[in-house]
Amino acid sequence: MITAIVLIKTSVNRIPEIAEAIAALDSVSEVFSVTGTYDLIAMVRVPRHDDLADVIPGRISKIQGVEATDTHVAFRTYSQHDLEAAFAIGLDA
């Protein structure tokens, strides 16, 4: 699975509506409203690298009020859940 972190600038007066529209897209797992240079951060997960083009410029960027995106593709994912599972291998609960 390919994970992309998409930083999104939006029309400030429509942030909640834009966030909901982005969150409704199939390949978007989470959307965060944040402070700073960007208004929203979306987590996009797709099976193939080529699918990112369909989701980000093909759908996210076309939502009315999205002004700009900056995409970062993850090389590897680390999470507390993954670490706990790795350390629990071979242990009886």
PDB file of N, CA and C in Angstrom:
ATOM      1  N   MET A   1       0.841  -1.174   0.000  1.00  0.00           N
ATOM      2  CA  MET A   1       0.000   0.000   0.000  1.00  0.00           C
ATOM      3  C   MET A   1       0.883   1.233   0.000  1.00  0.00           C
ATOM      4  N   ILE A   2       0.588   2.183  -0.846  1.00  0.00           N
ATOM      5  CA  ILE A   2       1.338   3.443  -0.937  1.00  0.00           C
ATOM      6  C   ILE A   2       0.601   4.488  -0.103  1.00  0.00           C
ATOM      7  N   THR A   3       1.330   5.191   0.753  1.00  0.00           N
ATOM      8  CA  THR A   3       0.746   6.238   1.588  1.00  0.00           C
ATOM      9  C   THR A   3       1.309   7.580   1.167  1.00  0.00           C
ATOM     10  N   ALA A   4       0.410   8.549   0.978  1.00  0.00           N
ATOM     11  CA  ALA A   4       0.816   9.921   0.673  1.00  0.00           C
ATOM     12  C   ALA A   4       0.192  10.850   1.704  1.00  0.00           C
ATOM     13  N   ILE A   5       0.990  11.816   2.128  1.00  0.00           N
ATOM     14  CA  ILE A   5       0.518  12.864   3.024  1.00  0.00           C
ATOM     15  C   ILE A   5       0.334  14.092   2.144  1.00  0.00           C
ATOM     16  N   VAL A   6      -0.907  14.597   2.090  1.00  0.00           N
ATOM     17  CA  VAL A   6      -1.217  15.703   1.196  1.00  0.00           C
ATOM     18  C   VAL A   6      -1.529  16.939   2.033  1.00  0.00           C
ATOM     19  N   LEU A   7      -0.686  17.964   1.898  1.00  0.00           N
ATOM     20  CA  LEU A   7      -0.895  19.240   2.573  1.00  0.00           C
ATOM     21  C   LEU A   7      -1.752  20.096   1.642  1.00  0.00           C
ATOM     22  N   ILE A   8      -2.827  20.675   2.174  1.00  0.00           N
ATOM     23  CA  ILE A   8      -3.823  21.319   1.318  1.00  0.00           C
ATOM     24  C   ILE A   8      -4.114  22.742   1.799  1.00  0.00           C
ATOM     25  N   LYS A   9      -4.036  23.701   0.863  1.00  0.00           N
ATOM     26  CA  LYS A   9      -4.476  25.071   1.118  1.00  0.00           C
ATOM     27  C   LYS A   9      -5.877  25.209   0.540  1.00  0.00           C
ATOM     28  N   THR A  10      -6.765  25.837   1.316  1.00  0.00           N
ATOM     29  CA  THR A  10      -8.154  25.950   0.887  1.00  0.00           C
ATOM     30  C   THR A  10      -8.670  27.374   1.049  1.00  0.00           C
ATOM     31  N   SER A  11      -9.878  27.593   0.541  1.00  0.00           N
ATOM     32  CA  SER A  11     -10.601  28.822   0.860  1.00  0.00           C
ATOM     33  C   SER A  11     -10.927  28.752   2.346  1.00  0.00           C
ATOM     34  N   VAL A  12     -10.478  29.724   3.105  1.00  0.00           N
ATOM     35  CA  VAL A  12     -10.589  29.667   4.564  1.00  0.00           C
ATOM     36  C   VAL A  12     -12.042  29.589   5.034  1.00  0.00           C
ATOM     37  N   ASN A  13     -12.953  30.201   4.313  1.00  0.00           N
ATOM     38  CA  ASN A  13     -14.344  30.211   4.760  1.00  0.00           C
ATOM     39  C   ASN A  13     -15.082  28.903   4.462  1.00  0.00           C
ATOM     40  N   ARG A  14     -14.401  27.930   3.833  1.00  0.00           N
ATOM     41  CA  ARG A  14     -15.050  26.654   3.484  1.00  0.00           C
ATOM     42  C   ARG A  14     -14.281  25.430   4.001  1.00  0.00           C
ATOM     43  N   ILE A  15     -13.424  25.609   4.958  1.00  0.00           N
ATOM     44  CA  ILE A  15     -12.581  24.502   5.433  1.00  0.00           C
ATOM     45  C   ILE A  15     -13.398  23.275   5.840  1.00  0.00           C
ATOM     46  N   PRO A  16     -14.446  23.402   6.666  1.00  0.00           N
ATOM     47  CA  PRO A  16     -15.183  22.191   7.068  1.00  0.00           C
ATOM     48  C   PRO A  16     -15.827  21.456   5.888  1.00  0.00           C
ATOM     49  N   GLU A  17     -16.414  22.191   4.959  1.00  0.00           N
ATOM     50  CA  GLU A  17     -17.063  21.565   3.805  1.00  0.00           C
ATOM     51  C   GLU A  17     -16.051  20.885   2.895  1.00  0.00           C
ATOM     52  N   ILE A  18     -14.916  21.518   2.702  1.00  0.00           N
ATOM     53  CA  ILE A  18     -13.866  20.939   1.861  1.00  0.00           C
ATOM     54  C   ILE A  18     -13.289  19.691   2.528  1.00  0.00           C
ATOM     55  N   ALA A  19     -13.068  19.758   3.837  1.00  0.00           N
ATOM     56  CA  ALA A  19     -12.548  18.604   4.579  1.00  0.00           C
ATOM     57  C   ALA A  19     -13.502  17.419   4.465  1.00  0.00           C
ATOM     58  N   GLU A  20     -14.792  17.666   4.581  1.00  0.00           N
ATOM     59  CA  GLU A  20     -15.778  16.587   4.474  1.00  0.00           C
ATOM     60  C   GLU A  20     -15.798  15.989   3.069  1.00  0.00           C
ATOM     61  N   ALA A  21     -15.675  16.842   2.042  1.00  0.00           N
ATOM     62  CA  ALA A  21     -15.665  16.343   0.661  1.00  0.00           C
ATOM     63  C   ALA A  21     -14.432  15.484   0.402  1.00  0.00           C
ATOM     64  N   ILE A  22     -13.285  15.902   0.927  1.00  0.00           N
ATOM     65  CA  ILE A  22     -12.054  15.126   0.755  1.00  0.00           C
ATOM     66  C   ILE A  22     -12.155  13.807   1.526  1.00  0.00           C
ATOM     67  N   ALA A  23     -12.653  13.861   2.753  1.00  0.00           N
ATOM     68  CA  ALA A  23     -12.769  12.658   3.579  1.00  0.00           C
ATOM     69  C   ALA A  23     -13.710  11.627   2.959  1.00  0.00           C
ATOM     70  N   ALA A  24     -14.636  12.072   2.132  1.00  0.00           N
ATOM     71  CA  ALA A  24     -15.591  11.163   1.502  1.00  0.00           C
ATOM     72  C   ALA A  24     -14.988  10.383   0.330  1.00  0.00           C
ATOM     73  N   LEU A  25     -13.804  10.772  -0.136  1.00  0.00           N
ATOM     74  CA  LEU A  25     -13.156  10.073  -1.251  1.00  0.00           C
ATOM     75  C   LEU A  25     -12.662   8.700  -0.780  1.00  0.00           C
ATOM     76  N   ASP A  26     -12.805   7.702  -1.642  1.00  0.00           N
ATOM     77  CA  ASP A  26     -12.469   6.318  -1.285  1.00  0.00           C
ATOM     78  C   ASP A  26     -11.049   6.112  -0.763  1.00  0.00           C
ATOM     79  N   SER A  27     -10.066   6.721  -1.355  1.00  0.00           N
ATOM     80  CA  SER A  27      -8.671   6.449  -0.991  1.00  0.00           C
ATOM     81  C   SER A  27      -8.155   7.326   0.133  1.00  0.00           C
ATOM     82  N   VAL A  28      -8.992   8.188   0.663  1.00  0.00           N
ATOM     83  CA  VAL A  28      -8.591   9.082   1.751  1.00  0.00           C
ATOM     84  C   VAL A  28      -8.995   8.447   3.075  1.00  0.00           C
ATOM     85  N   SER A  29      -8.004   8.207   3.954  1.00  0.00           N
ATOM     86  CA  SER A  29      -8.308   7.557   5.225  1.00  0.00           C
ATOM     87  C   SER A  29      -8.593   8.555   6.341  1.00  0.00           C
ATOM     88  N   GLU A  30      -7.932   9.701   6.332  1.00  0.00           N
ATOM     89  CA  GLU A  30      -8.151  10.732   7.347  1.00  0.00           C
ATOM     90  C   GLU A  30      -7.926  12.101   6.729  1.00  0.00           C
ATOM     91  N   VAL A  31      -8.598  13.093   7.306  1.00  0.00           N
ATOM     92  CA  VAL A  31      -8.354  14.497   6.966  1.00  0.00           C
ATOM     93  C   VAL A  31      -8.269  15.251   8.284  1.00  0.00           C
ATOM     94  N   PHE A  32      -7.209  16.033   8.432  1.00  0.00           N
ATOM     95  CA  PHE A  32      -6.989  16.802   9.653  1.00  0.00           C
ATOM     96  C   PHE A  32      -7.065  18.286   9.336  1.00  0.00           C
ATOM     97  N   SER A  33      -7.780  19.043  10.132  1.00  0.00           N
ATOM     98  CA  SER A  33      -7.772  20.501  10.053  1.00  0.00           C
ATOM     99  C   SER A  33      -6.636  20.951  10.967  1.00  0.00           C
ATOM    100  N   VAL A  34      -5.708  21.762  10.427  1.00  0.00           N
ATOM    101  CA  VAL A  34      -4.489  22.091  11.165  1.00  0.00           C
ATOM    102  C   VAL A  34      -4.200  23.583  11.145  1.00  0.00           C
ATOM    103  N   THR A  35      -3.294  23.995  12.010  1.00  0.00           N
ATOM    104  CA  THR A  35      -2.818  25.371  12.003  1.00  0.00           C
ATOM    105  C   THR A  35      -1.552  25.440  11.164  1.00  0.00           C
ATOM    106  N   GLY A  36      -1.167  26.644  10.788  1.00  0.00           N
ATOM    107  CA  GLY A  36       0.070  26.821  10.046  1.00  0.00           C
ATOM    108  C   GLY A  36      -0.168  27.219   8.602  1.00  0.00           C
ATOM    109  N   THR A  37       0.789  26.920   7.760  1.00  0.00           N
ATOM    110  CA  THR A  37       0.755  27.315   6.358  1.00  0.00           C
ATOM    111  C   THR A  37      -0.374  26.650   5.589  1.00  0.00           C
ATOM    112  N   TYR A  38      -0.699  25.426   5.945  1.00  0.00           N
ATOM    113  CA  TYR A  38      -1.750  24.674   5.258  1.00  0.00           C
ATOM    114  C   TYR A  38      -2.991  24.602   6.140  1.00  0.00           C
ATOM    115  N   ASP A  39      -4.134  24.384   5.512  1.00  0.00           N
ATOM    116  CA  ASP A  39      -5.399  24.328   6.237  1.00  0.00           C
ATOM    117  C   ASP A  39      -5.799  22.900   6.585  1.00  0.00           C
ATOM    118  N   LEU A  40      -5.470  21.958   5.696  1.00  0.00           N
ATOM    119  CA  LEU A  40      -5.849  20.565   5.876  1.00  0.00           C
ATOM    120  C   LEU A  40      -4.675  19.650   5.559  1.00  0.00           C
ATOM    121  N   ILE A  41      -4.661  18.488   6.180  1.00  0.00           N
ATOM    122  CA  ILE A  41      -3.727  17.417   5.831  1.00  0.00           C
ATOM    123  C   ILE A  41      -4.558  16.173   5.598  1.00  0.00           C
ATOM    124  N   ALA A  42      -4.370  15.543   4.442  1.00  0.00           N
ATOM    125  CA  ALA A  42      -5.104  14.323   4.111  1.00  0.00           C
ATOM    126  C   ALA A  42      -4.130  13.162   3.990  1.00  0.00           C
ATOM    127  N   MET A  43      -4.537  12.018   4.521  1.00  0.00           N
ATOM    128  CA  MET A  43      -3.776  10.787   4.370  1.00  0.00           C
ATOM    129  C   MET A  43      -4.425   9.994   3.244  1.00  0.00           C
ATOM    130  N   VAL A  44      -3.654   9.739   2.195  1.00  0.00           N
ATOM    131  CA  VAL A  44      -4.162   9.006   1.029  1.00  0.00           C
ATOM    132  C   VAL A  44      -3.438   7.672   0.965  1.00  0.00           C
ATOM    133  N   ARG A  45      -4.214   6.600   0.827  1.00  0.00           N
ATOM    134  CA  ARG A  45      -3.629   5.259   0.729  1.00  0.00           C
ATOM    135  C   ARG A  45      -4.175   4.577  -0.510  1.00  0.00           C
ATOM    136  N   VAL A  46      -3.257   4.187  -1.396  1.00  0.00           N
ATOM    137  CA  VAL A  46      -3.638   3.551  -2.659  1.00  0.00           C
ATOM    138  C   VAL A  46      -2.777   2.316  -2.895  1.00  0.00           C
ATOM    139  N   PRO A  47      -3.273   1.356  -3.683  1.00  0.00           N
ATOM    140  CA  PRO A  47      -2.498   0.142  -3.930  1.00  0.00           C
ATOM    141  C   PRO A  47      -1.312   0.350  -4.875  1.00  0.00           C
ATOM    142  N   ARG A  48      -1.444   1.282  -5.821  1.00  0.00           N
ATOM    143  CA  ARG A  48      -0.382   1.482  -6.813  1.00  0.00           C
ATOM    144  C   ARG A  48       0.004   2.950  -6.878  1.00  0.00           C
ATOM    145  N   HIS A  49       1.273   3.192  -7.158  1.00  0.00           N
ATOM    146  CA  HIS A  49       1.784   4.562  -7.249  1.00  0.00           C
ATOM    147  C   HIS A  49       0.992   5.389  -8.262  1.00  0.00           C
ATOM    148  N   ASP A  50       0.650   4.790  -9.393  1.00  0.00           N
ATOM    149  CA  ASP A  50      -0.094   5.509 -10.431  1.00  0.00           C
ATOM    150  C   ASP A  50      -1.463   5.981  -9.948  1.00  0.00           C
ATOM    151  N   ASP A  51      -2.019   5.314  -8.947  1.00  0.00           N
ATOM    152  CA  ASP A  51      -3.329   5.693  -8.426  1.00  0.00           C
ATOM    153  C   ASP A  51      -3.306   7.052  -7.733  1.00  0.00           C
ATOM    154  N   LEU A  52      -2.125   7.478  -7.282  1.00  0.00           N
ATOM    155  CA  LEU A  52      -2.027   8.795  -6.645  1.00  0.00           C
ATOM    156  C   LEU A  52      -2.469   9.905  -7.593  1.00  0.00           C
ATOM    157  N   ALA A  53      -2.155   9.773  -8.868  1.00  0.00           N
ATOM    158  CA  ALA A  53      -2.555  10.788  -9.845  1.00  0.00           C
ATOM    159  C   ALA A  53      -4.067  10.864  -9.978  1.00  0.00           C
ATOM    160  N   ASP A  54      -4.733   9.739  -9.862  1.00  0.00           N
ATOM    161  CA  ASP A  54      -6.195   9.737  -9.934  1.00  0.00           C
ATOM    162  C   ASP A  54      -6.810  10.425  -8.726  1.00  0.00           C
ATOM    163  N   VAL A  55      -6.212  10.228  -7.565  1.00  0.00           N
ATOM    164  CA  VAL A  55      -6.796  10.751  -6.331  1.00  0.00           C
ATOM    165  C   VAL A  55      -6.428  12.213  -6.087  1.00  0.00           C
ATOM    166  N   ILE A  56      -5.152  12.556  -6.176  1.00  0.00           N
ATOM    167  CA  ILE A  56      -4.728  13.895  -5.752  1.00  0.00           C
ATOM    168  C   ILE A  56      -5.035  14.950  -6.818  1.00  0.00           C
ATOM    169  N   PRO A  57      -4.367  14.964  -7.973  1.00  0.00           N
ATOM    170  CA  PRO A  57      -4.768  15.974  -8.952  1.00  0.00           C
ATOM    171  C   PRO A  57      -6.114  15.660  -9.611  1.00  0.00           C
ATOM    172  N   GLY A  58      -6.469  14.388  -9.667  1.00  0.00           N
ATOM    173  CA  GLY A  58      -7.698  13.995 -10.343  1.00  0.00           C
ATOM    174  C   GLY A  58      -8.971  14.258  -9.565  1.00  0.00           C
ATOM    175  N   ARG A  59      -8.911  14.182  -8.221  1.00  0.00           N
ATOM    176  CA  ARG A  59     -10.124  14.380  -7.429  1.00  0.00           C
ATOM    177  C   ARG A  59      -9.973  15.443  -6.345  1.00  0.00           C
ATOM    178  N   ILE A  60      -8.927  15.342  -5.507  1.00  0.00           N
ATOM    179  CA  ILE A  60      -8.772  16.322  -4.424  1.00  0.00           C
ATOM    180  C   ILE A  60      -8.631  17.733  -4.979  1.00  0.00           C
ATOM    181  N   SER A  61      -7.747  17.932  -5.928  1.00  0.00           N
ATOM    182  CA  SER A  61      -7.491  19.270  -6.465  1.00  0.00           C
ATOM    183  C   SER A  61      -8.683  19.861  -7.202  1.00  0.00           C
ATOM    184  N   LYS A  62      -9.621  19.023  -7.605  1.00  0.00           N
ATOM    185  CA  LYS A  62     -10.791  19.503  -8.338  1.00  0.00           C
ATOM    186  C   LYS A  62     -11.967  19.873  -7.428  1.00  0.00           C
ATOM    187  N   ILE A  63     -11.833  19.636  -6.148  1.00  0.00           N
ATOM    188  CA  ILE A  63     -12.889  20.023  -5.208  1.00  0.00           C
ATOM    189  C   ILE A  63     -12.888  21.547  -5.102  1.00  0.00           C
ATOM    190  N   GLN A  64     -14.078  22.123  -5.241  1.00  0.00           N
ATOM    191  CA  GLN A  64     -14.191  23.582  -5.199  1.00  0.00           C
ATOM    192  C   GLN A  64     -13.688  24.115  -3.862  1.00  0.00           C
ATOM    193  N   GLY A  65     -12.770  25.066  -3.922  1.00  0.00           N
ATOM    194  CA  GLY A  65     -12.188  25.651  -2.725  1.00  0.00           C
ATOM    195  C   GLY A  65     -10.783  25.168  -2.423  1.00  0.00           C
ATOM    196  N   VAL A  66     -10.349  24.070  -3.047  1.00  0.00           N
ATOM    197  CA  VAL A  66      -8.965  23.620  -2.886  1.00  0.00           C
ATOM    198  C   VAL A  66      -8.096  24.519  -3.766  1.00  0.00           C
ATOM    199  N   GLU A  67      -7.160  25.212  -3.136  1.00  0.00           N
ATOM    200  CA  GLU A  67      -6.328  26.178  -3.852  1.00  0.00           C
ATOM    201  C   GLU A  67      -4.965  25.622  -4.240  1.00  0.00           C
ATOM    202  N   ALA A  68      -4.406  24.736  -3.417  1.00  0.00           N
ATOM    203  CA  ALA A  68      -3.087  24.170  -3.711  1.00  0.00           C
ATOM    204  C   ALA A  68      -2.877  22.920  -2.873  1.00  0.00           C
ATOM    205  N   THR A  69      -2.050  22.008  -3.385  1.00  0.00           N
ATOM    206  CA  THR A  69      -1.665  20.809  -2.645  1.00  0.00           C
ATOM    207  C   THR A  69      -0.153  20.638  -2.707  1.00  0.00           C
ATOM    208  N   ASP A  70       0.379  20.001  -1.685  1.00  0.00           N
ATOM    209  CA  ASP A  70       1.799  19.655  -1.614  1.00  0.00           C
ATOM    210  C   ASP A  70       1.835  18.217  -1.113  1.00  0.00           C
ATOM    211  N   THR A  71       2.301  17.299  -1.952  1.00  0.00           N
ATOM    212  CA  THR A  71       2.208  15.874  -1.649  1.00  0.00           C
ATOM    213  C   THR A  71       3.559  15.295  -1.259  1.00  0.00           C
ATOM    214  N   HIS A  72       3.538  14.479  -0.199  1.00  0.00           N
ATOM    215  CA  HIS A  72       4.723  13.778   0.281  1.00  0.00           C
ATOM    216  C   HIS A  72       4.399  12.293   0.319  1.00  0.00           C
ATOM    217  N   VAL A  73       5.189  11.487  -0.392  1.00  0.00           N
ATOM    218  CA  VAL A  73       4.965  10.045  -0.438  1.00  0.00           C
ATOM    219  C   VAL A  73       5.850   9.387   0.611  1.00  0.00           C
ATOM    220  N   ALA A  74       5.253   8.523   1.415  1.00  0.00           N
ATOM    221  CA  ALA A  74       5.978   7.845   2.485  1.00  0.00           C
ATOM    222  C   ALA A  74       6.816   6.701   1.918  1.00  0.00           C
ATOM    223  N   PHE A  75       8.069   6.598   2.379  1.00  0.00           N
ATOM    224  CA  PHE A  75       8.918   5.461   2.028  1.00  0.00           C
ATOM    225  C   PHE A  75       8.538   4.249   2.865  1.00  0.00           C
ATOM    226  N   ARG A  76       8.300   4.498   4.144  1.00  0.00           N
ATOM    227  CA  ARG A  76       8.035   3.430   5.098  1.00  0.00           C
ATOM    228  C   ARG A  76       7.117   4.000   6.177  1.00  0.00           C
ATOM    229  N   THR A  77       6.281   3.156   6.755  1.00  0.00           N
ATOM    230  CA  THR A  77       5.359   3.599   7.801  1.00  0.00           C
ATOM    231  C   THR A  77       5.740   2.969   9.120  1.00  0.00           C
ATOM    232  N   TYR A  78       5.807   3.780  10.160  1.00  0.00           N
ATOM    233  CA  TYR A  78       6.066   3.316  11.518  1.00  0.00           C
ATOM    234  C   TYR A  78       4.888   3.765  12.377  1.00  0.00           C
ATOM    235  N   SER A  79       4.401   2.880  13.218  1.00  0.00           N
ATOM    236  CA  SER A  79       3.332   3.267  14.131  1.00  0.00           C
ATOM    237  C   SER A  79       3.488   2.503  15.427  1.00  0.00           C
ATOM    238  N   GLN A  80       2.897   3.034  16.481  1.00  0.00           N
ATOM    239  CA  GLN A  80       2.952   2.372  17.782  1.00  0.00           C
ATOM    240  C   GLN A  80       2.336   0.984  17.690  1.00  0.00           C
ATOM    241  N   HIS A  81       1.250   0.856  16.930  1.00  0.00           N
ATOM    242  CA  HIS A  81       0.586  -0.439  16.757  1.00  0.00           C
ATOM    243  C   HIS A  81       1.544  -1.459  16.144  1.00  0.00           C
ATOM    244  N   ASP A  82       2.290  -1.055  15.106  1.00  0.00           N
ATOM    245  CA  ASP A  82       3.243  -1.951  14.447  1.00  0.00           C
ATOM    246  C   ASP A  82       4.365  -2.365  15.403  1.00  0.00           C
ATOM    247  N   LEU A  83       4.854  -1.416  16.198  1.00  0.00           N
ATOM    248  CA  LEU A  83       5.937  -1.718  17.133  1.00  0.00           C
ATOM    249  C   LEU A  83       5.479  -2.697  18.209  1.00  0.00           C
ATOM    250  N   GLU A  84       4.271  -2.483  18.738  1.00  0.00           N
ATOM    251  CA  GLU A  84       3.753  -3.384  19.766  1.00  0.00           C
ATOM    252  C   GLU A  84       3.587  -4.796  19.214  1.00  0.00           C
ATOM    253  N   ALA A  85       3.103  -4.913  17.995  1.00  0.00           N
ATOM    254  CA  ALA A  85       2.909  -6.224  17.365  1.00  0.00           C
ATOM    255  C   ALA A  85       4.253  -6.926  17.162  1.00  0.00           C
ATOM    256  N   ALA A  86       5.268  -6.171  16.754  1.00  0.00           N
ATOM    257  CA  ALA A  86       6.590  -6.757  16.503  1.00  0.00           C
ATOM    258  C   ALA A  86       7.201  -7.288  17.798  1.00  0.00           C
ATOM    259  N   PHE A  87       7.061  -6.540  18.899  1.00  0.00           N
ATOM    260  CA  PHE A  87       7.627  -6.967  20.161  1.00  0.00           C
ATOM    261  C   PHE A  87       6.839  -8.080  20.813  1.00  0.00           C
ATOM    262  N   ALA A  88       5.591  -8.265  20.396  1.00  0.00           N
ATOM    263  CA  ALA A  88       4.748  -9.299  20.982  1.00  0.00           C
ATOM    264  C   ALA A  88       4.895 -10.655  20.289  1.00  0.00           C
ATOM    265  N   ILE A  89       5.650 -10.721  19.214  1.00  0.00           N
ATOM    266  CA  ILE A  89       5.821 -11.974  18.484  1.00  0.00           C
ATOM    267  C   ILE A  89       6.437 -13.023  19.404  1.00  0.00           C
ATOM    268  N   GLY A  90       5.783 -14.153  19.507  1.00  0.00           N
ATOM    269  CA  GLY A  90       6.287 -15.253  20.322  1.00  0.00           C
ATOM    270  C   GLY A  90       5.908 -15.188  21.786  1.00  0.00           C
ATOM    271  N   LEU A  91       5.244 -14.117  22.193  1.00  0.00           N
ATOM    272  CA  LEU A  91       4.843 -14.010  23.600  1.00  0.00           C
ATOM    273  C   LEU A  91       3.417 -14.535  23.746  1.00  0.00           C
ATOM    274  N   ASP A  92       3.186 -15.264  24.814  1.00  0.00           N
ATOM    275  CA  ASP A  92       1.851 -15.740  25.107  1.00  0.00           C
ATOM    276  C   ASP A  92       1.129 -14.696  25.950  1.00  0.00           C
ATOM    277  N   ALA A  93      -0.101 -14.412  25.569  1.00  0.00           N
ATOM    278  CA  ALA A  93      -0.869 -13.381  26.300  1.00  0.00           C
ATOM    279  C   ALA A  93      -1.525 -13.960  27.520  1.00  0.00           C
TER     280      ALA A  93
END
